[in-house]
Amino acid sequence: ENILRLLTTVTTVVFDDYGAELGVRRAVDEFIAAGHLQVVAELGEQPGWVYGGRTIDASEGLVTTIVKRLEDPESTFVNVRYAWYGQSF
């Protein structure tokens, strides 16, 4: 989220462990589906590779380009989480 919102000069983002880590894959896929990122190339191991005893059905990494940035910085999960941590109790 922060890359899409704050780093305005960044146009290319490389996601390592895209296929191996389900959280990375889910987040990247959501941004692709929402039209924020476009896949430029796949990197590393290709679908069918084995990691941690399981067969992975996606490439190891992705190169993406930013096609649409996030516009509302106040509504992101990251900002809400860090705002909560910053509160005094």
Protein backbone atom coordinates (compact mmCIF):
# COMPACT_ATOMS: atom_id res chain seq x y z
CA GLU A 1 0.00 0.00 0.00
CA ASN A 2 2.69 2.49 0.93
CA ILE A 3 4.55 1.98 -2.34
CA LEU A 4 1.39 2.70 -4.31
CA ARG A 5 0.62 5.78 -2.22
CA LEU A 6 3.82 7.39 -0.94
CA LEU A 7 6.70 6.57 -3.25
CA THR A 8 5.57 8.64 -6.20
CA THR A 9 8.78 8.17 -8.22
CA VAL A 10 8.61 4.36 -8.05
CA THR A 11 7.19 2.81 -11.21
CA THR A 12 8.48 -0.79 -11.03
CA VAL A 13 8.07 -3.12 -8.07
CA VAL A 14 9.65 -6.59 -7.73
CA PHE A 15 7.92 -9.09 -5.46
CA ASP A 16 10.20 -11.88 -4.23
CA ASP A 17 8.63 -15.08 -2.87
CA TYR A 18 5.41 -14.35 -4.76
CA GLY A 19 4.68 -18.04 -5.31
CA ALA A 20 6.09 -19.40 -2.05
CA GLU A 21 4.42 -17.08 0.44
CA LEU A 22 0.61 -17.11 0.33
CA GLY A 23 0.31 -13.70 2.01
CA VAL A 24 2.56 -12.06 -0.57
CA ARG A 25 0.68 -13.74 -3.39
CA ARG A 26 -2.74 -12.77 -2.03
CA ALA A 27 -1.77 -9.11 -1.57
CA VAL A 28 -0.15 -8.82 -5.00
CA ASP A 29 -3.09 -10.57 -6.68
CA GLU A 30 -5.53 -8.16 -5.00
CA PHE A 31 -3.62 -5.13 -6.28
CA ILE A 32 -3.44 -6.65 -9.78
CA ALA A 33 -7.18 -7.41 -9.77
CA ALA A 34 -7.95 -3.86 -8.61
CA GLY A 35 -5.96 -2.44 -11.53
CA HIS A 36 -3.14 -0.96 -9.44
CA LEU A 37 -0.37 -3.24 -10.74
CA GLN A 38 0.38 -4.91 -14.05
CA VAL A 39 2.68 -7.92 -14.39
CA VAL A 40 5.73 -7.25 -16.58
CA ALA A 41 7.66 -10.50 -16.06
CA GLU A 42 7.95 -13.61 -13.93
CA LEU A 43 11.23 -14.30 -12.13
CA GLY A 44 13.04 -17.29 -10.68
CA GLU A 45 11.46 -20.69 -10.38
CA GLN A 46 8.44 -21.35 -12.60
CA PRO A 47 5.19 -23.09 -11.60
CA GLY A 48 5.72 -26.65 -10.49
CA TRP A 49 8.73 -25.97 -8.26
CA VAL A 50 8.98 -27.41 -4.78
CA TYR A 51 9.40 -25.26 -1.65
CA GLY A 52 9.11 -26.43 1.94
CA GLY A 53 7.82 -29.81 0.82
CA ARG A 54 4.97 -28.42 -1.26
CA THR A 55 4.61 -27.91 -4.98
CA ILE A 56 4.11 -24.27 -5.89
CA ASP A 57 1.75 -23.40 -8.77
CA ALA A 58 3.06 -19.87 -9.36
CA SER A 59 6.38 -18.28 -10.27
CA GLU A 60 8.84 -17.45 -7.51
CA GLY A 61 8.81 -13.72 -8.18
CA LEU A 62 7.06 -11.04 -10.21
CA VAL A 63 8.12 -7.78 -11.77
CA THR A 64 5.21 -5.34 -11.86
CA THR A 65 4.59 -1.81 -12.94
CA ILE A 66 2.34 0.61 -11.10
CA VAL A 67 -0.61 1.64 -13.28
CA LYS A 68 -2.88 3.26 -10.67
CA ARG A 69 -1.84 4.65 -7.30
CA LEU A 70 -3.92 4.58 -4.13
CA GLU A 71 -5.71 7.86 -3.54
CA ASP A 72 -7.09 7.75 0.01
CA PRO A 73 -4.19 7.34 2.49
CA GLU A 74 -6.44 7.54 5.54
CA SER A 75 -8.42 4.38 4.72
CA THR A 76 -5.56 1.89 4.45
CA PHE A 77 -5.13 -0.97 6.88
CA VAL A 78 -1.47 -0.05 7.40
CA ASN A 79 -2.35 3.48 8.53
CA VAL A 80 -5.10 2.24 10.84
CA ARG A 81 -2.77 -0.32 12.42
CA TYR A 82 0.07 2.15 13.00
CA ALA A 83 -2.30 4.81 14.30
CA TRP A 84 -3.57 2.29 16.85
CA TYR A 85 -0.02 1.40 17.95
CA GLY A 86 0.74 5.07 18.42
CA GLN A 87 -2.07 5.59 20.94
CA SER A 88 -1.37 5.99 24.66
CA PHE A 89 -3.16 3.59 26.97
